[in-house]
């Protein structure tokens, strides 16, 4: 198994956001089945290292972009003490991390 290295650190700032990828080519197909996927990622301002993850889906196939779904991704990939910047997504303050929106 590949070991993931965490990004960030005490003097680093990470920027994070989620985005939707995919579209229907030439407007073909129904709006419901256009193959769009939500992706969440963060990038380091200093080292330019990043991580990207497809957001998890619920049983109905709807992408979850909630705090409960995304925080485990952040905790697994970001070093404690890292400053997190988002576009207004309220990840809030939690133990070893600080957030600025």
Protein backbone atom coordinates (compact mmCIF):
# COMPACT_ATOMS: atom_id res chain seq x y z
CA UNK A 1 0.00 0.00 0.00
CA UNK A 2 1.14 3.51 -0.80
CA UNK A 3 1.83 5.71 2.22
CA UNK A 4 0.41 9.21 1.91
CA UNK A 5 2.47 12.16 3.06
CA UNK A 6 0.61 14.92 4.80
CA UNK A 7 0.95 18.46 3.48
CA UNK A 8 1.18 21.74 5.38
CA UNK A 9 2.77 22.49 8.72
CA UNK A 10 3.18 25.27 11.30
CA UNK A 11 4.35 27.91 8.82
CA UNK A 12 2.24 26.81 5.85
CA UNK A 13 -1.12 27.96 4.54
CA UNK A 14 -3.43 25.65 2.60
CA UNK A 15 -6.27 26.78 0.38
CA UNK A 16 -9.20 24.41 -0.10
CA UNK A 17 -12.30 24.24 -2.23
CA UNK A 18 -14.70 21.83 -3.88
CA UNK A 19 -15.57 21.91 -7.54
CA UNK A 20 -17.78 20.04 -9.97
CA UNK A 21 -16.22 18.36 -13.01
CA UNK A 22 -17.73 16.79 -16.10
CA UNK A 23 -20.37 17.77 -18.57
CA UNK A 24 -22.44 16.40 -21.39
CA UNK A 25 -20.75 16.85 -24.74
CA UNK A 26 -22.77 18.77 -27.34
CA UNK A 27 -25.73 19.02 -24.91
CA UNK A 28 -26.63 15.36 -25.47
CA UNK A 29 -28.28 13.25 -22.80
CA UNK A 30 -30.58 14.12 -19.96
CA UNK A 31 -29.62 16.68 -17.34
CA UNK A 32 -29.85 14.01 -14.67
CA UNK A 33 -27.28 11.70 -16.26
CA UNK A 34 -24.53 14.08 -17.30
CA UNK A 35 -21.76 12.39 -15.32
CA UNK A 36 -20.83 15.30 -13.10
CA UNK A 37 -18.54 14.62 -10.16
CA UNK A 38 -17.75 16.75 -7.09
CA UNK A 39 -14.06 16.92 -6.16
CA UNK A 40 -12.50 18.42 -3.00
CA UNK A 41 -8.87 19.49 -2.78
CA UNK A 42 -6.32 21.62 -0.97
CA UNK A 43 -3.06 23.18 -2.15
CA UNK A 44 -0.10 24.54 -0.18
CA UNK A 45 0.76 28.18 -0.87
CA UNK A 46 4.46 27.57 -0.22
CA UNK A 47 5.27 24.11 -1.61
CA UNK A 48 2.44 23.91 -4.20
CA UNK A 49 1.78 20.29 -3.09
CA UNK A 50 -1.86 19.31 -3.18
CA UNK A 51 -4.38 16.55 -2.64
CA UNK A 52 -7.60 15.90 -4.52
CA UNK A 53 -10.43 13.54 -3.61
CA UNK A 54 -13.75 12.69 -5.17
CA UNK A 55 -16.39 13.63 -2.61
CA UNK A 56 -18.15 10.61 -1.06
CA UNK A 57 -21.62 9.63 -2.19
CA UNK A 58 -24.64 8.60 -0.13
CA UNK A 59 -26.79 5.54 -0.84
CA UNK A 60 -28.82 7.47 -3.41
CA UNK A 61 -25.67 8.45 -5.32
CA UNK A 62 -25.77 12.11 -4.28
CA UNK A 63 -22.36 13.66 -3.52
CA UNK A 64 -21.84 14.68 0.10
CA UNK A 65 -19.95 17.95 0.59
CA UNK A 66 -20.76 18.42 4.25
CA UNK A 67 -18.40 19.05 7.13
CA UNK A 68 -18.92 15.48 8.29
CA UNK A 69 -17.87 14.12 4.89
CA UNK A 70 -14.88 16.41 4.22
CA UNK A 71 -13.23 16.77 7.64
CA UNK A 72 -11.84 13.18 7.59
CA UNK A 73 -10.13 13.97 4.26
CA UNK A 74 -8.56 17.07 5.77
CA UNK A 75 -7.42 15.27 8.93
CA UNK A 76 -5.84 12.45 6.92
CA UNK A 77 -3.92 14.76 4.58
CA UNK A 78 -3.05 17.93 6.51
CA UNK A 79 -0.41 18.28 9.22
CA UNK A 80 -1.54 19.69 12.59
CA UNK A 81 -1.03 23.43 13.05
CA UNK A 82 -1.62 24.28 9.40
CA UNK A 83 -3.65 27.42 8.57
CA UNK A 84 -6.61 26.54 6.33
CA UNK A 85 -8.19 29.07 3.96
CA UNK A 86 -11.52 28.33 2.31
CA UNK A 87 -13.97 30.31 0.19
CA UNK A 88 -16.44 30.67 3.02
CA UNK A 89 -17.05 26.99 3.74
CA UNK A 90 -17.39 26.87 7.50
CA UNK A 91 -15.10 24.03 8.55
CA UNK A 92 -14.85 25.77 11.89
CA UNK A 93 -12.12 25.48 14.46
CA UNK A 94 -11.01 22.07 15.58
CA UNK A 95 -8.21 20.91 17.87
CA UNK A 96 -4.93 21.19 15.94
CA UNK A 97 -6.15 23.21 12.97
CA UNK A 98 -7.12 26.82 12.43
CA UNK A 99 -9.36 28.10 9.67
CA UNK A 100 -9.70 31.47 8.00
CA UNK A 101 -12.49 32.03 5.49
